[in-house]
Amino acid sequence: MRWYLTGVVVSGFGTTAMWLVSGVWVKSLTGSDSLAALAAFALWAPVLLGPLLGPLADRVRRRPLLVVLDLAMACLLPLLLWVESADRVWLLFAVLVLYGTQGAVHDAAEQALVSSVVDGRRLGTFNGLRMTANESMKLIAPLVAAGLFAAYGGGTVALLDAASFAVAAAVFALMPVREARPARAASRSWWGETAEGVRLLRGSRVLRPLVATGAFTMLLAGVNGAAIYAVVDRGLGQSPAYAGVLYAVQGVGSVLAGLVTGPLLRRIPERALAAAGLALFAVAMGVRGALPYEATALAASAVIGLGMPWVLVAVMTAVQREAPAEAVGRVAASANTLVMAPNALAIAAGAGLLAVTDVHVLLPLLAAAGLVGSCTLLLTTEPAGARHAGTIPRR
C-alpha cells in the first residue's frame, strides 16, 4: 500500500494548503471576519451529511471512486481563478462546500478500501503511518501556502491543490489492488443503506463506546482550540502569532503518535489506546491552562499532539475491523460524523465559555472531565468474544 500512502501525502499537502488559505482569501477580499469564519464552516458542514454520503462508498469499487473524486476536484479548483473580487466570493464558498462533500465520501472510501486489502493485524500500523503522513504535511503546507498567497494570491494555491489532486488520482489509478464487485445490499434504497450504517454502528458494543469517546475527545478539543489565544495572551503574555509555535509543536507530537500507534495496537486493544490517548490529552490540556510557563506550554502541546491522534486512530481501526466488509463505507462515514461534528460546535461554545470563565479555571475543569471519560471507557465491560488487535485474520 505504498501507492496509497503516496496518494495520501500528495493530496494531504494540497488540502492543508487550501484549507489554510480559504479563510484568509475571504478576509482579504471582503474584510469580513464573519465571512472568513464561514469559510471554515463551509468545509466542515458536509461532515454532518456523512451518514447520507457513506453509502456511495459501498455501492461501487473504492479505488475507481477515489480516482474519480480526485479528478473531479482537479477540474473544479481552477474555477477559483475567477475569484478576484468580493462579488465573486460566492463561487469560493460553493467550491468549498463541494470540497467538504468530496472529502467526506473520499474518507469513507479510503477506510473501506484499506479494510479490504490490508491484513487485519497491520491495520493499526497502517492507520498510524497514514496519520503520520497527514500530520507531516501540516508542518510544511501552511508555510508554502502562506508564501504563495502573499506573492501570487489565492488562485495559485487553488492551482497547487488541483495539481495535487491530479497526481493523487494518478497514484490511486496505478495502485495494484484487485477489488471484488461490491455485494448487493439488503436494501437498495439510499435511505435504507444510510439507516443500516447508523444501525450497525449503534448496535456494536465494540464501536459504540469508542465512537462516543472520540466524540467527547473532539468536543474537548474544540474548546481547547478556542482557548489557545487566551492561553497565549493571558497565560504566556505572548503575541497571537505564538499560537503558531504551539500548533507546530503539537504537529510534531502527532507525527510521533502515528509512528508508535502500530506497535501499541499490536499489544493492546483499541479501547485501551483510546483511553490512554484521552487521558494524555486531558492532562496536557489542564497543565497548559493551569501553569503559565512557556516550557510547560510547549511540552503540553507536544503531549496533546501525541494523545489526540491515538483516540482517532483507535476509532478508525476499530471501524475497519468490526464493520461488515460490504458496509465499511457507510459505517465509517457515520462514525466520522459523530466524532467530528462536536468539534465544530465546541469551538463556538468555547468562545462563549471564555467570556465568562477564566482560562486557568476552564481548562483544568475540562481536563478533569477528560480523565473521567478515560476511566469510564476503561471500566466499560469488554464484549464477550471481542476481537483483539493482534489476532484478527486477513479479510
Protein backbone atom coordinates (compact mmCIF):
# COMPACT_ATOMS: atom_id res chain seq x y z
CA MET A 1 0.00 0.00 0.00
CA ARG A 2 2.94 2.34 -0.58
CA TRP A 3 0.98 3.77 -3.52
CA TYR A 4 -1.91 4.59 -1.22
CA LEU A 5 0.32 6.39 1.29
CA THR A 6 1.90 8.36 -1.56
CA GLY A 7 -1.56 9.48 -2.65
CA VAL A 8 -2.40 10.50 0.92
CA VAL A 9 0.79 12.56 1.21
CA VAL A 10 0.28 14.35 -2.11
CA SER A 11 -3.41 15.14 -1.68
CA GLY A 12 -2.89 15.98 2.01
CA PHE A 13 -0.34 18.63 1.09
CA GLY A 14 -2.70 20.41 -1.29
CA THR A 15 -5.70 20.04 1.01
CA THR A 16 -3.88 21.52 4.01
CA ALA A 17 -2.70 24.44 1.90
CA MET A 18 -6.19 25.14 0.56
CA TRP A 19 -7.90 24.85 3.93
CA LEU A 20 -5.47 27.35 5.42
CA VAL A 21 -5.79 29.86 2.60
CA SER A 22 -9.59 29.78 2.18
CA GLY A 23 -10.38 31.91 5.22
CA VAL A 24 -7.51 34.30 4.55
CA TRP A 25 -8.70 34.65 0.95
CA VAL A 26 -12.24 35.53 2.01
CA LYS A 27 -10.95 38.01 4.59
CA SER A 28 -8.66 39.71 2.08
CA LEU A 29 -11.48 40.16 -0.45
CA THR A 30 -14.33 41.15 1.86
CA GLY A 31 -12.67 42.46 5.02
CA SER A 32 -15.24 40.46 6.99
CA ASP A 33 -14.19 38.27 9.91
CA SER A 34 -17.61 36.60 9.91
CA LEU A 35 -17.38 35.58 6.27
CA ALA A 36 -13.83 34.34 6.84
CA ALA A 37 -15.12 32.12 9.65
CA LEU A 38 -17.90 30.87 7.38
CA ALA A 39 -15.24 29.58 5.00
CA ALA A 40 -14.19 27.06 7.63
CA PHE A 41 -17.85 26.20 8.24
CA ALA A 42 -18.40 25.60 4.52
CA LEU A 43 -15.64 22.99 4.62
CA TRP A 44 -16.92 21.39 7.82
CA ALA A 45 -20.66 21.39 7.08
CA PRO A 46 -20.70 18.37 4.74
CA VAL A 47 -19.29 16.23 7.55
CA LEU A 48 -22.75 16.42 9.08
CA LEU A 49 -24.09 14.63 5.99
CA GLY A 50 -21.69 11.71 6.42
CA PRO A 51 -24.37 9.06 7.02
CA LEU A 52 -26.10 10.11 3.78
CA LEU A 53 -22.88 10.21 1.76
CA GLY A 54 -21.36 6.99 3.07
CA PRO A 55 -23.47 4.51 1.04
CA LEU A 56 -21.78 5.73 -2.16
CA ALA A 57 -18.51 4.20 -0.90
CA ASP A 58 -20.26 0.81 -0.58
CA ARG A 59 -22.11 0.80 -3.91
CA VAL A 60 -19.06 0.92 -6.21
CA ARG A 61 -15.46 -0.26 -6.22
CA ARG A 62 -13.50 2.01 -3.90
CA ARG A 63 -10.28 2.55 -5.89
CA PRO A 64 -12.02 3.85 -9.06
CA LEU A 65 -14.22 6.01 -6.81
CA LEU A 66 -11.11 7.62 -5.28
CA VAL A 67 -9.74 8.31 -8.75
CA VAL A 68 -12.99 9.94 -9.93
CA LEU A 69 -13.31 12.04 -6.78
CA ASP A 70 -9.76 13.35 -7.06
CA LEU A 71 -10.10 14.09 -10.79
CA ALA A 72 -13.35 15.98 -10.11
CA MET A 73 -11.59 18.28 -7.65
CA ALA A 74 -8.64 18.71 -10.03
CA CYS A 75 -11.11 20.01 -12.63
CA LEU A 76 -13.17 22.11 -10.21
CA LEU A 77 -10.48 24.04 -8.32
CA PRO A 78 -9.14 26.03 -11.32
CA LEU A 79 -12.54 27.79 -11.43
CA LEU A 80 -11.33 29.71 -8.38
CA LEU A 81 -9.00 31.74 -10.62
CA TRP A 82 -12.18 33.71 -11.40
CA VAL A 83 -12.49 34.78 -7.72
CA GLU A 84 -10.79 38.17 -7.90
CA SER A 85 -13.27 40.42 -6.09
CA ALA A 86 -15.77 40.38 -3.23
CA ASP A 87 -18.76 39.90 -5.53
CA ARG A 88 -17.35 36.53 -6.63
CA VAL A 89 -16.74 35.10 -3.18
CA TRP A 90 -19.93 33.07 -3.60
CA LEU A 91 -18.04 30.84 -6.04
CA LEU A 92 -15.34 30.16 -3.45
CA PHE A 93 -17.99 29.17 -0.91
CA ALA A 94 -19.70 26.88 -3.43
CA VAL A 95 -16.41 25.14 -4.21
CA LEU A 96 -15.60 24.80 -0.51
CA VAL A 97 -18.92 23.05 0.15
CA LEU A 98 -18.23 20.65 -2.72
CA TYR A 99 -14.70 20.22 -1.37
CA GLY A 100 -16.03 19.18 2.02
CA THR A 101 -18.56 16.83 0.40
CA GLN A 102 -15.85 15.19 -1.68
CA GLY A 103 -13.73 14.81 1.44
CA ALA A 104 -16.49 13.04 3.36
CA VAL A 105 -17.03 10.47 0.59
CA HIS A 106 -13.29 10.15 -0.06
CA ASP A 107 -12.55 9.39 3.59
CA ALA A 108 -15.26 6.72 3.74
CA ALA A 109 -13.98 5.11 0.53
CA GLU A 110 -10.40 5.18 1.81
CA GLN A 111 -11.33 3.42 5.04
CA ALA A 112 -13.36 0.82 3.17
CA LEU A 113 -10.55 0.16 0.71
CA VAL A 114 -7.96 -0.18 3.47
CA SER A 115 -10.14 -2.61 5.42
CA SER A 116 -10.46 -4.85 2.37
CA VAL A 117 -6.80 -5.05 1.33
CA VAL A 118 -4.72 -4.64 4.49
CA ASP A 119 -4.15 -7.56 6.84
CA GLY A 120 -6.20 -7.01 9.99
CA ARG A 121 -3.10 -7.39 12.16
CA ARG A 122 -1.48 -4.48 10.31
CA LEU A 123 -4.42 -2.08 10.29
CA GLY A 124 -3.18 -0.20 13.35
CA THR A 125 0.30 0.21 11.87
CA PHE A 126 -1.11 1.33 8.53
CA ASN A 127 -3.51 3.85 10.05
CA GLY A 128 -0.70 5.19 12.20
CA LEU A 129 1.50 5.72 9.15
CA ARG A 130 -1.41 7.43 7.41
CA MET A 131 -1.75 9.76 10.39
CA THR A 132 1.99 10.49 10.31
CA ALA A 133 1.81 11.28 6.59
CA ASN A 134 -1.09 13.68 7.07
CA GLU A 135 0.41 15.43 10.07
CA SER A 136 3.79 15.79 8.36
CA MET A 137 2.11 17.73 5.57
CA LYS A 138 0.55 20.05 8.15
CA LEU A 139 4.05 21.09 9.18
CA ILE A 140 5.09 22.03 5.64
CA ALA A 141 2.00 23.03 3.67
CA PRO A 142 1.00 26.10 5.73
CA LEU A 143 4.37 27.75 5.10
CA VAL A 144 4.19 27.09 1.36
CA ALA A 145 0.55 28.21 1.18
CA ALA A 146 1.19 31.42 3.09
CA GLY A 147 4.14 32.27 0.86
CA LEU A 148 2.24 31.57 -2.36
CA PHE A 149 -0.80 33.53 -1.22
CA ALA A 150 1.28 36.54 -0.22
CA ALA A 151 3.17 36.54 -3.51
CA TYR A 152 0.59 35.46 -6.08
CA GLY A 153 -2.85 35.29 -4.45
CA GLY A 154 -5.33 32.53 -3.70
CA GLY A 155 -5.70 31.36 -7.30
CA THR A 156 -2.15 30.00 -7.27
CA VAL A 157 -2.86 27.96 -4.16
CA ALA A 158 -6.01 26.60 -5.82
CA LEU A 159 -3.92 25.51 -8.82
CA LEU A 160 -1.41 23.85 -6.49
CA ASP A 161 -4.24 21.95 -4.82
CA ALA A 162 -5.70 20.98 -8.21
CA ALA A 163 -2.31 19.61 -9.25
CA SER A 164 -2.06 17.62 -6.02
CA PHE A 165 -5.47 16.06 -6.70
CA ALA A 166 -4.44 15.17 -10.25
CA VAL A 167 -1.27 13.47 -9.01
CA ALA A 168 -3.21 11.66 -6.28
CA ALA A 169 -5.72 10.42 -8.89
CA ALA A 170 -2.84 9.04 -10.98
CA VAL A 171 -1.31 7.35 -7.95
CA PHE A 172 -4.61 5.70 -6.97
CA ALA A 173 -5.16 4.62 -10.59
CA LEU A 174 -1.76 2.89 -10.62
CA MET A 175 -2.26 1.23 -7.24
CA PRO A 176 -2.07 -2.57 -7.72
CA VAL A 177 -5.31 -3.50 -5.99
CA ARG A 178 -7.90 -6.05 -7.07
CA GLU A 179 -11.38 -5.37 -5.75
CA ALA A 180 -14.37 -7.64 -5.96
CA ARG A 181 -17.66 -6.21 -7.12
CA PRO A 182 -19.49 -4.78 -4.06
CA ALA A 183 -22.04 -7.14 -2.55
CA ARG A 184 -25.65 -6.20 -3.13
CA ALA A 185 -27.09 -4.54 -0.04
CA ALA A 186 -30.21 -5.98 1.59
CA SER A 187 -31.90 -2.63 0.99
CA ARG A 188 -31.05 -0.91 -2.30
CA SER A 189 -32.73 2.34 -1.32
CA TRP A 190 -30.33 5.10 -0.35
CA TRP A 191 -32.24 5.83 2.84
CA GLY A 192 -32.26 2.15 3.73
CA GLU A 193 -28.49 1.87 3.37
CA THR A 194 -27.99 5.09 5.36
CA ALA A 195 -30.17 3.73 8.17
CA GLU A 196 -28.30 0.43 8.06
CA GLY A 197 -24.95 2.16 8.57
CA VAL A 198 -26.26 4.00 11.62
CA ARG A 199 -27.91 0.82 12.94
CA LEU A 200 -24.71 -1.23 12.61
CA LEU A 201 -22.76 1.44 14.45
CA ARG A 202 -25.31 1.84 17.21
CA GLY A 203 -25.68 -1.92 17.65
CA SER A 204 -21.97 -2.66 18.05
CA ARG A 205 -20.86 -3.00 21.67
CA VAL A 206 -17.27 -2.56 20.48
CA LEU A 207 -17.75 0.55 18.34
CA ARG A 208 -20.36 2.41 20.35
CA PRO A 209 -18.17 3.33 23.37
CA LEU A 210 -15.17 4.06 21.15
CA VAL A 211 -17.10 6.44 18.91
CA ALA A 212 -18.60 8.12 21.97
CA THR A 213 -15.09 8.58 23.37
CA GLY A 214 -13.92 10.02 20.05
CA ALA A 215 -16.83 12.48 20.02
CA PHE A 216 -16.14 13.52 23.62
CA THR A 217 -12.43 13.99 22.84
CA MET A 218 -13.20 16.22 19.87
CA LEU A 219 -15.68 18.18 21.98
CA LEU A 220 -12.89 18.92 24.46
CA ALA A 221 -10.51 19.61 21.58
CA GLY A 222 -12.88 22.23 20.19
CA VAL A 223 -12.99 24.15 23.45
CA ASN A 224 -9.24 23.74 23.85
CA GLY A 225 -8.72 25.15 20.36
CA ALA A 226 -10.95 28.11 21.10
CA ALA A 227 -8.90 28.78 24.25
CA ILE A 228 -5.50 28.76 22.56
CA TYR A 229 -5.30 32.53 22.12
CA ALA A 230 -6.37 33.11 25.73
CA VAL A 231 -3.55 30.80 26.86
CA VAL A 232 -1.06 32.65 24.67
CA ASP A 233 -2.21 36.13 25.74
CA ARG A 234 -3.33 35.84 29.36
CA GLY A 235 -1.13 32.93 30.40
CA LEU A 236 2.12 33.35 28.48
CA GLY A 237 1.99 37.07 27.68
CA GLN A 238 2.89 36.41 24.05
CA SER A 239 1.52 37.83 20.81
CA PRO A 240 -1.21 35.88 18.98
CA ALA A 241 1.36 34.67 16.43
CA TYR A 242 2.89 32.49 19.17
CA ALA A 243 -0.10 30.17 18.76
CA GLY A 244 1.58 29.03 15.55
CA VAL A 245 4.55 27.81 17.57
CA LEU A 246 2.29 25.78 19.87
CA TYR A 247 0.47 24.27 16.87
CA ALA A 248 3.79 23.37 15.24
CA VAL A 249 4.95 21.57 18.40
CA GLN A 250 1.58 19.82 18.57
CA GLY A 251 2.11 18.70 14.97
CA VAL A 252 5.45 17.15 15.90
CA GLY A 253 3.69 15.21 18.66
CA SER A 254 1.10 13.97 16.16
CA VAL A 255 3.81 12.73 13.79
CA LEU A 256 5.33 10.76 16.67
CA ALA A 257 1.88 9.44 17.62
CA GLY A 258 1.42 7.92 14.19
CA LEU A 259 4.78 6.17 14.34
CA VAL A 260 4.15 4.46 17.68
CA THR A 261 0.48 3.62 17.15
CA GLY A 262 1.14 0.41 15.22
CA PRO A 263 3.42 -1.19 17.81
CA LEU A 264 0.98 -0.21 20.57
CA LEU A 265 -2.05 -1.71 18.80
CA ARG A 266 -0.19 -4.98 18.39
CA ARG A 267 -0.04 -5.19 22.19
CA ILE A 268 -3.19 -3.52 23.47
CA PRO A 269 -6.79 -3.27 22.18
CA GLU A 270 -8.17 -0.13 20.57
CA ARG A 271 -10.18 0.63 23.70
CA ALA A 272 -7.04 0.87 25.86
CA LEU A 273 -5.25 3.05 23.30
CA ALA A 274 -8.22 5.44 23.08
CA ALA A 275 -8.43 5.68 26.87
CA ALA A 276 -4.70 6.37 27.13
CA GLY A 277 -4.90 8.98 24.38
CA LEU A 278 -7.79 10.79 26.03
CA ALA A 279 -6.00 10.74 29.40
CA LEU A 280 -2.81 12.20 27.91
CA PHE A 281 -4.75 14.86 26.05
CA ALA A 282 -6.75 15.80 29.16
CA VAL A 283 -3.71 16.06 31.45
CA ALA A 284 -1.78 18.14 28.93
CA MET A 285 -4.75 20.46 28.36
CA GLY A 286 -5.10 21.02 32.09
CA VAL A 287 -1.38 21.65 32.56
CA ARG A 288 -1.28 24.15 29.72
CA GLY A 289 -4.18 26.03 31.25
CA ALA A 290 -3.03 25.91 34.87
CA LEU A 291 0.73 26.58 34.57
CA PRO A 292 1.53 29.84 32.76
CA TYR A 293 5.07 28.94 31.72
CA GLU A 294 6.45 28.70 28.21
CA ALA A 295 8.26 25.41 28.79
CA THR A 296 5.17 23.68 30.18
CA ALA A 297 3.01 25.09 27.39
CA LEU A 298 5.37 23.69 24.76
CA ALA A 299 5.61 20.30 26.46
CA ALA A 300 1.84 20.15 26.92
CA SER A 301 1.30 20.97 23.24
CA ALA A 302 3.53 18.07 22.23
CA VAL A 303 1.58 15.71 24.54
CA ILE A 304 -1.74 16.97 23.14
CA GLY A 305 -0.42 16.15 19.69
CA LEU A 306 0.52 12.69 20.90
CA GLY A 307 -2.70 11.80 22.73
CA MET A 308 -5.47 13.07 20.47
CA PRO A 309 -4.45 11.06 17.36
CA TRP A 310 -4.42 7.86 19.42
CA VAL A 311 -8.14 8.27 20.00
CA LEU A 312 -8.88 8.93 16.34
CA VAL A 313 -6.72 6.07 15.04
CA ALA A 314 -8.26 3.69 17.59
CA VAL A 315 -11.76 4.59 16.38
CA MET A 316 -10.78 4.30 12.70
CA THR A 317 -9.07 0.93 13.19
CA ALA A 318 -11.98 -0.48 15.19
CA VAL A 319 -14.47 0.55 12.48
CA GLN A 320 -12.36 -1.17 9.83
CA ARG A 321 -12.14 -4.33 11.92
CA GLU A 322 -15.71 -4.55 13.17
CA ALA A 323 -17.91 -3.28 10.33
CA PRO A 324 -19.11 -5.87 7.78
CA ALA A 325 -16.96 -5.71 4.64
CA GLU A 326 -19.90 -4.61 2.48
CA ALA A 327 -20.83 -1.76 4.85
CA VAL A 328 -17.50 -0.27 5.96
CA GLY A 329 -18.06 2.91 3.93
CA ARG A 330 -21.39 3.86 5.46
CA VAL A 331 -20.36 2.85 9.00
CA ALA A 332 -17.12 4.83 8.67
CA ALA A 333 -18.96 7.90 7.36
CA SER A 334 -21.47 7.74 10.23
CA ALA A 335 -18.68 7.33 12.79
CA ASN A 336 -16.77 10.25 11.27
CA THR A 337 -19.83 12.48 11.55
CA LEU A 338 -20.40 11.57 15.18
CA VAL A 339 -16.74 12.07 16.09
CA MET A 340 -16.03 15.28 14.18
CA ALA A 341 -19.28 17.25 14.46
CA PRO A 342 -18.82 18.07 18.18
CA ASN A 343 -15.52 19.78 17.38
CA ALA A 344 -17.16 22.46 15.25
CA LEU A 345 -19.91 23.03 17.82
CA ALA A 346 -17.42 23.19 20.69
CA ILE A 347 -15.38 25.93 19.04
CA ALA A 348 -18.40 28.23 19.24
CA ALA A 349 -19.23 27.04 22.77
CA GLY A 350 -15.63 27.60 23.84
CA ALA A 351 -15.77 31.21 22.74
CA GLY A 352 -18.81 31.73 24.94
CA LEU A 353 -17.29 29.93 27.93
CA LEU A 354 -14.13 32.04 27.74
CA ALA A 355 -16.27 35.16 28.01
CA VAL A 356 -17.50 34.10 31.47
CA THR A 357 -14.77 31.76 32.77
CA ASP A 358 -11.06 32.29 33.32
CA VAL A 359 -8.97 30.05 31.06
CA HIS A 360 -6.88 28.95 34.07
CA VAL A 361 -10.06 27.51 35.58
CA LEU A 362 -11.81 26.31 32.43
CA LEU A 363 -9.06 24.07 31.03
CA PRO A 364 -8.31 22.23 34.31
CA LEU A 365 -12.05 21.57 34.71
CA LEU A 366 -12.21 20.15 31.19
CA ALA A 367 -9.12 18.09 31.96
CA ALA A 368 -10.88 16.53 34.93
CA ALA A 369 -13.85 15.70 32.72
CA GLY A 370 -11.48 14.11 30.21
CA LEU A 371 -9.90 11.90 32.87
CA VAL A 372 -13.36 10.78 33.97
CA GLY A 373 -14.16 9.93 30.35
CA SER A 374 -10.94 7.93 30.02
CA CYS A 375 -11.65 5.93 33.16
CA THR A 376 -15.24 5.33 32.05
CA LEU A 377 -14.05 3.83 28.77
CA LEU A 378 -11.58 1.54 30.56
CA LEU A 379 -14.23 0.37 33.01
CA THR A 380 -16.78 -0.36 30.28
CA THR A 381 -17.25 -4.10 30.03
CA GLU A 382 -15.48 -5.60 27.00
CA PRO A 383 -17.99 -7.64 24.95
CA ALA A 384 -17.57 -11.39 25.20
CA GLY A 385 -15.56 -12.66 22.28
CA ALA A 386 -14.41 -9.17 21.25
CA ARG A 387 -11.58 -9.40 18.78
CA HIS A 388 -8.10 -8.34 19.90
CA ALA A 389 -5.97 -6.17 17.68
CA GLY A 390 -3.26 -8.79 17.34
CA THR A 391 -5.47 -11.74 16.41
CA ILE A 392 -7.61 -10.50 13.53
CA PRO A 393 -7.24 -12.58 10.38
CA ARG A 394 -6.97 -11.02 6.94
CA ARG A 395 -10.36 -10.16 5.45
